[in-house]
Amino acid sequence: MRKINVLEFVSLDGVIEAPCGPEEDTSGPPWWIRMHSDPVSSTAVKKQMNMPFDLLLGRRTFELWAQFWPRHNGLWPGVNTATKYVASNTMTYHEWQPSVFLN
């Protein structure tokens, strides 16, 4: 059985936000993650992101990522070939493959 590793960007007060910029998800509070990054955490994140992986995503995150990652594969090697497991009651297929939709 494989492990589930969680790589999450969350502030001390519980705000979760994407690291790519304020325009990526405009539904919440202002962009803060780059203001608080440091070399130690950046090294740990890069190490984790370069290991073999699959992704477990919610529908909304999947939709945001499907717009970005297919055109920016060089920023995160392996993201396009990783199996994306998507929790969704509304989606059953997407062109960004391989994807498995869990309802």
PDB file of N, CA and C in Angstrom:
ATOM      1  N   MET A   1       0.848  -1.176   0.000  1.00  0.00           N
ATOM      2  CA  MET A   1       0.000   0.000   0.000  1.00  0.00           C
ATOM      3  C   MET A   1       0.892   1.237   0.000  1.00  0.00           C
ATOM      4  N   ARG A   2       0.545   2.227  -0.831  1.00  0.00           N
ATOM      5  CA  ARG A   2       1.324   3.447  -0.924  1.00  0.00           C
ATOM      6  C   ARG A   2       0.936   4.433   0.172  1.00  0.00           C
ATOM      7  N   LYS A   3       1.864   5.291   0.505  1.00  0.00           N
ATOM      8  CA  LYS A   3       1.616   6.342   1.479  1.00  0.00           C
ATOM      9  C   LYS A   3       0.923   7.517   0.801  1.00  0.00           C
ATOM     10  N   ILE A   4       0.181   8.274   1.577  1.00  0.00           N
ATOM     11  CA  ILE A   4      -0.355   9.555   1.119  1.00  0.00           C
ATOM     12  C   ILE A   4       0.463  10.634   1.812  1.00  0.00           C
ATOM     13  N   ASN A   5       1.157  11.427   1.021  1.00  0.00           N
ATOM     14  CA  ASN A   5       1.908  12.564   1.540  1.00  0.00           C
ATOM     15  C   ASN A   5       1.143  13.826   1.182  1.00  0.00           C
ATOM     16  N   VAL A   6       0.950  14.677   2.145  1.00  0.00           N
ATOM     17  CA  VAL A   6       0.227  15.919   1.917  1.00  0.00           C
ATOM     18  C   VAL A   6       1.236  17.046   1.799  1.00  0.00           C
ATOM     19  N   LEU A   7       1.156  17.769   0.704  1.00  0.00           N
ATOM     20  CA  LEU A   7       1.970  18.952   0.481  1.00  0.00           C
ATOM     21  C   LEU A   7       0.987  20.105   0.372  1.00  0.00           C
ATOM     22  N   GLU A   8       0.881  20.883   1.426  1.00  0.00           N
ATOM     23  CA  GLU A   8      -0.165  21.890   1.508  1.00  0.00           C
ATOM     24  C   GLU A   8       0.435  23.226   1.909  1.00  0.00           C
ATOM     25  N   PHE A   9      -0.018  24.281   1.273  1.00  0.00           N
ATOM     26  CA  PHE A   9       0.418  25.623   1.592  1.00  0.00           C
ATOM     27  C   PHE A   9      -0.665  26.262   2.455  1.00  0.00           C
ATOM     28  N   VAL A  10      -0.384  26.381   3.757  1.00  0.00           N
ATOM     29  CA  VAL A  10      -1.395  26.878   4.688  1.00  0.00           C
ATOM     30  C   VAL A  10      -0.736  27.836   5.679  1.00  0.00           C
ATOM     31  N   SER A  11      -1.428  28.930   5.982  1.00  0.00           N
ATOM     32  CA  SER A  11      -0.904  29.893   6.951  1.00  0.00           C
ATOM     33  C   SER A  11      -1.262  29.446   8.366  1.00  0.00           C
ATOM     34  N   LEU A  12      -0.681  30.093   9.367  1.00  0.00           N
ATOM     35  CA  LEU A  12      -0.962  29.736  10.752  1.00  0.00           C
ATOM     36  C   LEU A  12      -2.427  29.923  11.119  1.00  0.00           C
ATOM     37  N   ASP A  13      -3.111  30.835  10.416  1.00  0.00           N
ATOM     38  CA  ASP A  13      -4.529  31.045  10.708  1.00  0.00           C
ATOM     39  C   ASP A  13      -5.443  30.234   9.790  1.00  0.00           C
ATOM     40  N   GLY A  14      -4.878  29.241   9.081  1.00  0.00           N
ATOM     41  CA  GLY A  14      -5.687  28.288   8.326  1.00  0.00           C
ATOM     42  C   GLY A  14      -6.023  28.668   6.907  1.00  0.00           C
ATOM     43  N   VAL A  15      -5.383  29.690   6.352  1.00  0.00           N
ATOM     44  CA  VAL A  15      -5.650  30.073   4.965  1.00  0.00           C
ATOM     45  C   VAL A  15      -4.825  29.174   4.051  1.00  0.00           C
ATOM     46  N   ILE A  16      -5.494  28.548   3.091  1.00  0.00           N
ATOM     47  CA  ILE A  16      -4.824  27.709   2.108  1.00  0.00           C
ATOM     48  C   ILE A  16      -4.858  28.459   0.786  1.00  0.00           C
ATOM     49  N   GLU A  17      -3.687  28.555   0.135  1.00  0.00           N
ATOM     50  CA  GLU A  17      -3.625  29.328  -1.095  1.00  0.00           C
ATOM     51  C   GLU A  17      -2.615  28.733  -2.062  1.00  0.00           C
ATOM     52  N   ALA A  18      -2.873  28.915  -3.330  1.00  0.00           N
ATOM     53  CA  ALA A  18      -1.965  28.455  -4.369  1.00  0.00           C
ATOM     54  C   ALA A  18      -0.691  29.298  -4.355  1.00  0.00           C
ATOM     55  N   PRO A  19       0.460  28.682  -4.678  1.00  0.00           N
ATOM     56  CA  PRO A  19       1.719  29.410  -4.651  1.00  0.00           C
ATOM     57  C   PRO A  19       2.038  30.180  -5.926  1.00  0.00           C
ATOM     58  N   CYS A  20       1.217  30.077  -6.956  1.00  0.00           N
ATOM     59  CA  CYS A  20       1.598  30.658  -8.242  1.00  0.00           C
ATOM     60  C   CYS A  20       1.268  32.139  -8.389  1.00  0.00           C
ATOM     61  N   GLY A  21       0.341  32.667  -7.655  1.00  0.00           N
ATOM     62  CA  GLY A  21       0.062  34.088  -7.755  1.00  0.00           C
ATOM     63  C   GLY A  21      -1.372  34.421  -7.422  1.00  0.00           C
ATOM     64  N   PRO A  22      -1.644  35.691  -7.146  1.00  0.00           N
ATOM     65  CA  PRO A  22      -2.976  36.106  -6.715  1.00  0.00           C
ATOM     66  C   PRO A  22      -4.039  35.953  -7.794  1.00  0.00           C
ATOM     67  N   GLU A  23      -3.621  35.956  -9.062  1.00  0.00           N
ATOM     68  CA  GLU A  23      -4.600  35.829 -10.147  1.00  0.00           C
ATOM     69  C   GLU A  23      -5.071  34.391 -10.346  1.00  0.00           C
ATOM     70  N   GLU A  24      -4.374  33.409  -9.757  1.00  0.00           N
ATOM     71  CA  GLU A  24      -4.725  32.008  -9.961  1.00  0.00           C
ATOM     72  C   GLU A  24      -6.052  31.653  -9.299  1.00  0.00           C
ATOM     73  N   ASP A  25      -6.267  32.157  -8.110  1.00  0.00           N
ATOM     74  CA  ASP A  25      -7.523  31.888  -7.400  1.00  0.00           C
ATOM     75  C   ASP A  25      -7.937  33.184  -6.710  1.00  0.00           C
ATOM     76  N   THR A  26      -8.902  33.866  -7.281  1.00  0.00           N
ATOM     77  CA  THR A  26      -9.308  35.179  -6.768  1.00  0.00           C
ATOM     78  C   THR A  26     -10.469  35.095  -5.786  1.00  0.00           C
ATOM     79  N   SER A  27     -10.828  33.883  -5.352  1.00  0.00           N
ATOM     80  CA  SER A  27     -11.998  33.720  -4.490  1.00  0.00           C
ATOM     81  C   SER A  27     -11.728  33.996  -3.017  1.00  0.00           C
ATOM     82  N   GLY A  28     -10.464  34.097  -2.633  1.00  0.00           N
ATOM     83  CA  GLY A  28     -10.159  34.203  -1.212  1.00  0.00           C
ATOM     84  C   GLY A  28      -9.304  35.402  -0.857  1.00  0.00           C
ATOM     85  N   PRO A  29      -8.593  35.288   0.270  1.00  0.00           N
ATOM     86  CA  PRO A  29      -7.766  36.380   0.767  1.00  0.00           C
ATOM     87  C   PRO A  29      -6.585  36.679  -0.157  1.00  0.00           C
ATOM     88  N   PRO A  30      -5.900  37.784   0.068  1.00  0.00           N
ATOM     89  CA  PRO A  30      -4.774  38.148  -0.808  1.00  0.00           C
ATOM     90  C   PRO A  30      -3.616  37.171  -0.735  1.00  0.00           C
ATOM     91  N   TRP A  31      -2.817  37.203  -1.763  1.00  0.00           N
ATOM     92  CA  TRP A  31      -1.673  36.314  -1.936  1.00  0.00           C
ATOM     93  C   TRP A  31      -0.644  36.541  -0.839  1.00  0.00           C
ATOM     94  N   TRP A  32      -0.226  35.494  -0.155  1.00  0.00           N
ATOM     95  CA  TRP A  32       0.708  35.631   0.969  1.00  0.00           C
ATOM     96  C   TRP A  32       1.869  34.662   0.933  1.00  0.00           C
ATOM     97  N   ILE A  33       1.770  33.580   0.178  1.00  0.00           N
ATOM     98  CA  ILE A  33       2.720  32.478   0.328  1.00  0.00           C
ATOM     99  C   ILE A  33       4.158  32.850  -0.013  1.00  0.00           C
ATOM    100  N   ARG A  34       4.378  33.641  -1.057  1.00  0.00           N
ATOM    101  CA  ARG A  34       5.758  33.988  -1.419  1.00  0.00           C
ATOM    102  C   ARG A  34       6.386  34.938  -0.412  1.00  0.00           C
ATOM    103  N   MET A  35       5.574  35.694   0.297  1.00  0.00           N
ATOM    104  CA  MET A  35       6.102  36.595   1.317  1.00  0.00           C
ATOM    105  C   MET A  35       6.732  35.810   2.456  1.00  0.00           C
ATOM    106  N   HIS A  36       6.342  34.559   2.655  1.00  0.00           N
ATOM    107  CA  HIS A  36       6.774  33.782   3.807  1.00  0.00           C
ATOM    108  C   HIS A  36       7.589  32.547   3.438  1.00  0.00           C
ATOM    109  N   SER A  37       8.084  32.483   2.211  1.00  0.00           N
ATOM    110  CA  SER A  37       8.892  31.317   1.843  1.00  0.00           C
ATOM    111  C   SER A  37      10.341  31.549   2.261  1.00  0.00           C
ATOM    112  N   ASP A  38      11.073  30.464   2.427  1.00  0.00           N
ATOM    113  CA  ASP A  38      12.468  30.545   2.828  1.00  0.00           C
ATOM    114  C   ASP A  38      13.240  29.417   2.151  1.00  0.00           C
ATOM    115  N   PRO A  39      14.572  29.484   2.130  1.00  0.00           N
ATOM    116  CA  PRO A  39      15.365  28.461   1.432  1.00  0.00           C
ATOM    117  C   PRO A  39      15.160  27.040   1.971  1.00  0.00           C
ATOM    118  N   VAL A  40      14.980  26.880   3.265  1.00  0.00           N
ATOM    119  CA  VAL A  40      14.815  25.540   3.846  1.00  0.00           C
ATOM    120  C   VAL A  40      13.505  24.915   3.374  1.00  0.00           C
ATOM    121  N   SER A  41      12.406  25.651   3.480  1.00  0.00           N
ATOM    122  CA  SER A  41      11.128  25.088   3.045  1.00  0.00           C
ATOM    123  C   SER A  41      11.094  24.917   1.530  1.00  0.00           C
ATOM    124  N   SER A  42      11.718  25.823   0.782  1.00  0.00           N
ATOM    125  CA  SER A  42      11.757  25.689  -0.677  1.00  0.00           C
ATOM    126  C   SER A  42      12.490  24.423  -1.091  1.00  0.00           C
ATOM    127  N   THR A  43      13.593  24.110  -0.411  1.00  0.00           N
ATOM    128  CA  THR A  43      14.347  22.890  -0.704  1.00  0.00           C
ATOM    129  C   THR A  43      13.507  21.649  -0.404  1.00  0.00           C
ATOM    130  N   ALA A  44      12.800  21.657   0.719  1.00  0.00           N
ATOM    131  CA  ALA A  44      11.955  20.513   1.093  1.00  0.00           C
ATOM    132  C   ALA A  44      10.825  20.324   0.090  1.00  0.00           C
ATOM    133  N   VAL A  45      10.202  21.402  -0.346  1.00  0.00           N
ATOM    134  CA  VAL A  45       9.107  21.322  -1.318  1.00  0.00           C
ATOM    135  C   VAL A  45       9.628  20.790  -2.647  1.00  0.00           C
ATOM    136  N   LYS A  46      10.754  21.300  -3.125  1.00  0.00           N
ATOM    137  CA  LYS A  46      11.319  20.826  -4.395  1.00  0.00           C
ATOM    138  C   LYS A  46      11.669  19.339  -4.332  1.00  0.00           C
ATOM    139  N   LYS A  47      12.224  18.895  -3.209  1.00  0.00           N
ATOM    140  CA  LYS A  47      12.551  17.474  -3.049  1.00  0.00           C
ATOM    141  C   LYS A  47      11.293  16.623  -3.151  1.00  0.00           C
ATOM    142  N   GLN A  48      10.235  17.026  -2.457  1.00  0.00           N
ATOM    143  CA  GLN A  48       8.972  16.286  -2.466  1.00  0.00           C
ATOM    144  C   GLN A  48       8.364  16.267  -3.870  1.00  0.00           C
ATOM    145  N   MET A  49       8.429  17.392  -4.557  1.00  0.00           N
ATOM    146  CA  MET A  49       7.800  17.498  -5.878  1.00  0.00           C
ATOM    147  C   MET A  49       8.554  16.732  -6.961  1.00  0.00           C
ATOM    148  N   ASN A  50       9.800  16.359  -6.713  1.00  0.00           N
ATOM    149  CA  ASN A  50      10.572  15.618  -7.706  1.00  0.00           C
ATOM    150  C   ASN A  50      10.567  14.111  -7.472  1.00  0.00           C
ATOM    151  N   MET A  51       9.840  13.643  -6.452  1.00  0.00           N
ATOM    152  CA  MET A  51       9.696  12.209  -6.211  1.00  0.00           C
ATOM    153  C   MET A  51       8.557  11.678  -7.092  1.00  0.00           C
ATOM    154  N   PRO A  52       8.542  10.363  -7.376  1.00  0.00           N
ATOM    155  CA  PRO A  52       7.402   9.801  -8.121  1.00  0.00           C
ATOM    156  C   PRO A  52       6.109  10.052  -7.337  1.00  0.00           C
ATOM    157  N   PHE A  53       5.037  10.380  -8.036  1.00  0.00           N
ATOM    158  CA  PHE A  53       3.809  10.740  -7.338  1.00  0.00           C
ATOM    159  C   PHE A  53       2.579  10.578  -8.213  1.00  0.00           C
ATOM    160  N   ASP A  54       1.447  10.479  -7.546  1.00  0.00           N
ATOM    161  CA  ASP A  54       0.125  10.669  -8.128  1.00  0.00           C
ATOM    162  C   ASP A  54      -0.474  11.832  -7.362  1.00  0.00           C
ATOM    163  N   LEU A  55      -1.576  12.360  -7.850  1.00  0.00           N
ATOM    164  CA  LEU A  55      -2.203  13.514  -7.201  1.00  0.00           C
ATOM    165  C   LEU A  55      -3.625  13.195  -6.782  1.00  0.00           C
ATOM    166  N   LEU A  56      -4.014  13.662  -5.609  1.00  0.00           N
ATOM    167  CA  LEU A  56      -5.395  13.590  -5.142  1.00  0.00           C
ATOM    168  C   LEU A  56      -5.882  15.026  -5.048  1.00  0.00           C
ATOM    169  N   LEU A  57      -6.831  15.382  -5.903  1.00  0.00           N
ATOM    170  CA  LEU A  57      -7.269  16.770  -6.032  1.00  0.00           C
ATOM    171  C   LEU A  57      -8.778  16.879  -5.917  1.00  0.00           C
ATOM    172  N   GLY A  58      -9.230  18.014  -5.435  1.00  0.00           N
ATOM    173  CA  GLY A  58     -10.640  18.355  -5.523  1.00  0.00           C
ATOM    174  C   GLY A  58     -10.932  18.893  -6.918  1.00  0.00           C
ATOM    175  N   ARG A  59     -12.204  18.936  -7.278  1.00  0.00           N
ATOM    176  CA  ARG A  59     -12.587  19.393  -8.617  1.00  0.00           C
ATOM    177  C   ARG A  59     -12.093  20.796  -8.922  1.00  0.00           C
ATOM    178  N   ARG A  60     -12.279  21.711  -8.004  1.00  0.00           N
ATOM    179  CA  ARG A  60     -11.893  23.095  -8.260  1.00  0.00           C
ATOM    180  C   ARG A  60     -10.388  23.224  -8.497  1.00  0.00           C
ATOM    181  N   THR A  61      -9.584  22.578  -7.653  1.00  0.00           N
ATOM    182  CA  THR A  61      -8.138  22.622  -7.845  1.00  0.00           C
ATOM    183  C   THR A  61      -7.759  21.973  -9.163  1.00  0.00           C
ATOM    184  N   PHE A  62      -8.382  20.837  -9.477  1.00  0.00           N
ATOM    185  CA  PHE A  62      -8.105  20.170 -10.751  1.00  0.00           C
ATOM    186  C   PHE A  62      -8.381  21.114 -11.923  1.00  0.00           C
ATOM    187  N   GLU A  63      -9.513  21.810 -11.903  1.00  0.00           N
ATOM    188  CA  GLU A  63      -9.856  22.721 -13.002  1.00  0.00           C
ATOM    189  C   GLU A  63      -8.829  23.846 -13.138  1.00  0.00           C
ATOM    190  N   LEU A  64      -8.373  24.394 -12.012  1.00  0.00           N
ATOM    191  CA  LEU A  64      -7.344  25.443 -12.057  1.00  0.00           C
ATOM    192  C   LEU A  64      -6.038  24.890 -12.619  1.00  0.00           C
ATOM    193  N   TRP A  65      -5.631  23.733 -12.113  1.00  0.00           N
ATOM    194  CA  TRP A  65      -4.369  23.142 -12.550  1.00  0.00           C
ATOM    195  C   TRP A  65      -4.418  22.728 -14.017  1.00  0.00           C
ATOM    196  N   ALA A  66      -5.550  22.220 -14.480  1.00  0.00           N
ATOM    197  CA  ALA A  66      -5.675  21.755 -15.865  1.00  0.00           C
ATOM    198  C   ALA A  66      -5.524  22.908 -16.855  1.00  0.00           C
ATOM    199  N   GLN A  67      -5.777  24.118 -16.412  1.00  0.00           N
ATOM    200  CA  GLN A  67      -5.566  25.294 -17.267  1.00  0.00           C
ATOM    201  C   GLN A  67      -4.096  25.691 -17.318  1.00  0.00           C
ATOM    202  N   PHE A  68      -3.359  25.411 -16.240  1.00  0.00           N
ATOM    203  CA  PHE A  68      -1.985  25.891 -16.115  1.00  0.00           C
ATOM    204  C   PHE A  68      -0.923  24.856 -16.480  1.00  0.00           C
ATOM    205  N   TRP A  69      -0.948  23.686 -15.840  1.00  0.00           N
ATOM    206  CA  TRP A  69       0.167  22.745 -15.918  1.00  0.00           C
ATOM    207  C   TRP A  69       0.439  22.149 -17.284  1.00  0.00           C
ATOM    208  N   PRO A  70      -0.545  21.850 -18.111  1.00  0.00           N
ATOM    209  CA  PRO A  70      -0.198  21.298 -19.423  1.00  0.00           C
ATOM    210  C   PRO A  70       0.702  22.222 -20.249  1.00  0.00           C
ATOM    211  N   ARG A  71       0.655  23.519 -19.984  1.00  0.00           N
ATOM    212  CA  ARG A  71       1.484  24.476 -20.727  1.00  0.00           C
ATOM    213  C   ARG A  71       2.785  24.827 -19.997  1.00  0.00           C
ATOM    214  N   HIS A  72       2.965  24.365 -18.743  1.00  0.00           N
ATOM    215  CA  HIS A  72       4.132  24.742 -17.940  1.00  0.00           C
ATOM    216  C   HIS A  72       4.800  23.524 -17.306  1.00  0.00           C
ATOM    217  N   ASN A  73       4.891  22.441 -18.025  1.00  0.00           N
ATOM    218  CA  ASN A  73       5.433  21.190 -17.495  1.00  0.00           C
ATOM    219  C   ASN A  73       6.863  21.341 -16.986  1.00  0.00           C
ATOM    220  N   GLY A  74       7.642  22.247 -17.560  1.00  0.00           N
ATOM    221  CA  GLY A  74       9.028  22.412 -17.152  1.00  0.00           C
ATOM    222  C   GLY A  74       9.188  22.909 -15.719  1.00  0.00           C
ATOM    223  N   LEU A  75       8.160  23.531 -15.161  1.00  0.00           N
ATOM    224  CA  LEU A  75       8.226  24.027 -13.792  1.00  0.00           C
ATOM    225  C   LEU A  75       8.104  22.915 -12.767  1.00  0.00           C
ATOM    226  N   TRP A  76       7.417  21.831 -13.133  1.00  0.00           N
ATOM    227  CA  TRP A  76       7.202  20.705 -12.209  1.00  0.00           C
ATOM    228  C   TRP A  76       7.266  19.414 -13.011  1.00  0.00           C
ATOM    229  N   PRO A  77       8.454  18.861 -13.184  1.00  0.00           N
ATOM    230  CA  PRO A  77       8.588  17.643 -13.983  1.00  0.00           C
ATOM    231  C   PRO A  77       7.684  16.522 -13.460  1.00  0.00           C
ATOM    232  N   GLY A  78       6.976  15.900 -14.342  1.00  0.00           N
ATOM    233  CA  GLY A  78       6.135  14.769 -13.968  1.00  0.00           C
ATOM    234  C   GLY A  78       4.685  15.095 -13.693  1.00  0.00           C
ATOM    235  N   VAL A  79       4.321  16.363 -13.582  1.00  0.00           N
ATOM    236  CA  VAL A  79       2.944  16.695 -13.216  1.00  0.00           C
ATOM    237  C   VAL A  79       1.946  16.236 -14.283  1.00  0.00           C
ATOM    238  N   ASN A  80       2.327  16.292 -15.532  1.00  0.00           N
ATOM    239  CA  ASN A  80       1.384  15.906 -16.583  1.00  0.00           C
ATOM    240  C   ASN A  80       1.248  14.399 -16.736  1.00  0.00           C
ATOM    241  N   THR A  81       2.279  13.639 -16.375  1.00  0.00           N
ATOM    242  CA  THR A  81       2.194  12.185 -16.494  1.00  0.00           C
ATOM    243  C   THR A  81       1.689  11.519 -15.220  1.00  0.00           C
ATOM    244  N   ALA A  82       1.642  12.268 -14.116  1.00  0.00           N
ATOM    245  CA  ALA A  82       1.117  11.724 -12.855  1.00  0.00           C
ATOM    246  C   ALA A  82      -0.374  11.430 -13.010  1.00  0.00           C
ATOM    247  N   THR A  83      -0.838  10.359 -12.387  1.00  0.00           N
ATOM    248  CA  THR A  83      -2.278  10.090 -12.367  1.00  0.00           C
ATOM    249  C   THR A  83      -2.934  11.086 -11.429  1.00  0.00           C
ATOM    250  N   LYS A  84      -3.966  11.747 -11.929  1.00  0.00           N
ATOM    251  CA  LYS A  84      -4.711  12.716 -11.143  1.00  0.00           C
ATOM    252  C   LYS A  84      -6.016  12.076 -10.686  1.00  0.00           C
ATOM    253  N   TYR A  85      -6.152  11.837  -9.377  1.00  0.00           N
ATOM    254  CA  TYR A  85      -7.390  11.318  -8.802  1.00  0.00           C
ATOM    255  C   TYR A  85      -8.194  12.532  -8.357  1.00  0.00           C
ATOM    256  N   VAL A  86      -9.389  12.685  -8.925  1.00  0.00           N
ATOM    257  CA  VAL A  86     -10.165  13.908  -8.719  1.00  0.00           C
ATOM    258  C   VAL A  86     -11.470  13.593  -8.008  1.00  0.00           C
ATOM    259  N   ALA A  87     -11.657  14.207  -6.835  1.00  0.00           N
ATOM    260  CA  ALA A  87     -12.915  14.066  -6.097  1.00  0.00           C
ATOM    261  C   ALA A  87     -13.924  15.037  -6.705  1.00  0.00           C
ATOM    262  N   SER A  88     -14.945  14.495  -7.355  1.00  0.00           N
ATOM    263  CA  SER A  88     -15.937  15.340  -8.019  1.00  0.00           C
ATOM    264  C   SER A  88     -17.244  14.573  -8.210  1.00  0.00           C
ATOM    265  N   ASN A  89     -18.335  15.258  -7.946  1.00  0.00           N
ATOM    266  CA  ASN A  89     -19.652  14.694  -8.236  1.00  0.00           C
ATOM    267  C   ASN A  89     -20.155  15.121  -9.604  1.00  0.00           C
ATOM    268  N   THR A  90     -19.422  16.037 -10.261  1.00  0.00           N
ATOM    269  CA  THR A  90     -19.907  16.581 -11.527  1.00  0.00           C
ATOM    270  C   THR A  90     -19.030  16.239 -12.720  1.00  0.00           C
ATOM    271  N   MET A  91     -17.751  16.003 -12.519  1.00  0.00           N
ATOM    272  CA  MET A  91     -16.857  15.697 -13.641  1.00  0.00           C
ATOM    273  C   MET A  91     -16.678  14.193 -13.780  1.00  0.00           C
ATOM    274  N   THR A  92     -16.668  13.735 -15.025  1.00  0.00           N
ATOM    275  CA  THR A  92     -16.396  12.324 -15.297  1.00  0.00           C
ATOM    276  C   THR A  92     -15.271  12.143 -16.303  1.00  0.00           C
ATOM    277  N   TYR A  93     -14.864  13.220 -16.987  1.00  0.00           N
ATOM    278  CA  TYR A  93     -13.796  13.140 -17.974  1.00  0.00           C
ATOM    279  C   TYR A  93     -13.189  14.525 -18.176  1.00  0.00           C
ATOM    280  N   HIS A  94     -11.894  14.531 -18.499  1.00  0.00           N
ATOM    281  CA  HIS A  94     -11.206  15.755 -18.893  1.00  0.00           C
ATOM    282  C   HIS A  94     -10.064  15.370 -19.807  1.00  0.00           C
ATOM    283  N   GLU A  95      -9.684  16.275 -20.697  1.00  0.00           N
ATOM    284  CA  GLU A  95      -8.601  15.995 -21.642  1.00  0.00           C
ATOM    285  C   GLU A  95      -7.241  15.846 -20.963  1.00  0.00           C
ATOM    286  N   TRP A  96      -7.069  16.438 -19.781  1.00  0.00           N
ATOM    287  CA  TRP A  96      -5.781  16.338 -19.070  1.00  0.00           C
ATOM    288  C   TRP A  96      -5.695  14.941 -18.456  1.00  0.00           C
ATOM    289  N   GLN A  97      -4.960  14.083 -19.101  1.00  0.00           N
ATOM    290  CA  GLN A  97      -4.858  12.681 -18.713  1.00  0.00           C
ATOM    291  C   GLN A  97      -3.444  12.342 -18.263  1.00  0.00           C
ATOM    292  N   PRO A  98      -3.241  11.306 -17.470  1.00  0.00           N
ATOM    293  CA  PRO A  98      -4.266  10.388 -16.972  1.00  0.00           C
ATOM    294  C   PRO A  98      -5.009  10.981 -15.767  1.00  0.00           C
ATOM    295  N   SER A  99      -6.318  10.884 -15.791  1.00  0.00           N
ATOM    296  CA  SER A  99      -7.167  11.378 -14.711  1.00  0.00           C
ATOM    297  C   SER A  99      -8.218  10.322 -14.376  1.00  0.00           C
ATOM    298  N   VAL A 100      -8.482  10.165 -13.086  1.00  0.00           N
ATOM    299  CA  VAL A 100      -9.487   9.233 -12.585  1.00  0.00           C
ATOM    300  C   VAL A 100     -10.433  10.051 -11.734  1.00  0.00           C
ATOM    301  N   PHE A 101     -11.719   9.999 -12.048  1.00  0.00           N
ATOM    302  CA  PHE A 101     -12.704  10.814 -11.326  1.00  0.00           C
ATOM    303  C   PHE A 101     -13.433   9.969 -10.296  1.00  0.00           C
ATOM    304  N   LEU A 102     -13.388  10.450  -9.061  1.00  0.00           N
ATOM    305  CA  LEU A 102     -13.987   9.745  -7.922  1.00  0.00           C
ATOM    306  C   LEU A 102     -15.249  10.488  -7.514  1.00  0.00           C
ATOM    307  N   ASN A 103     -16.392   9.807  -7.531  1.00  0.00           N
ATOM    308  CA  ASN A 103     -17.610  10.518  -7.113  1.00  0.00           C
ATOM    309  C   ASN A 103     -18.046  10.080  -5.736  1.00  0.00           C
TER     310      ASN A 103
END
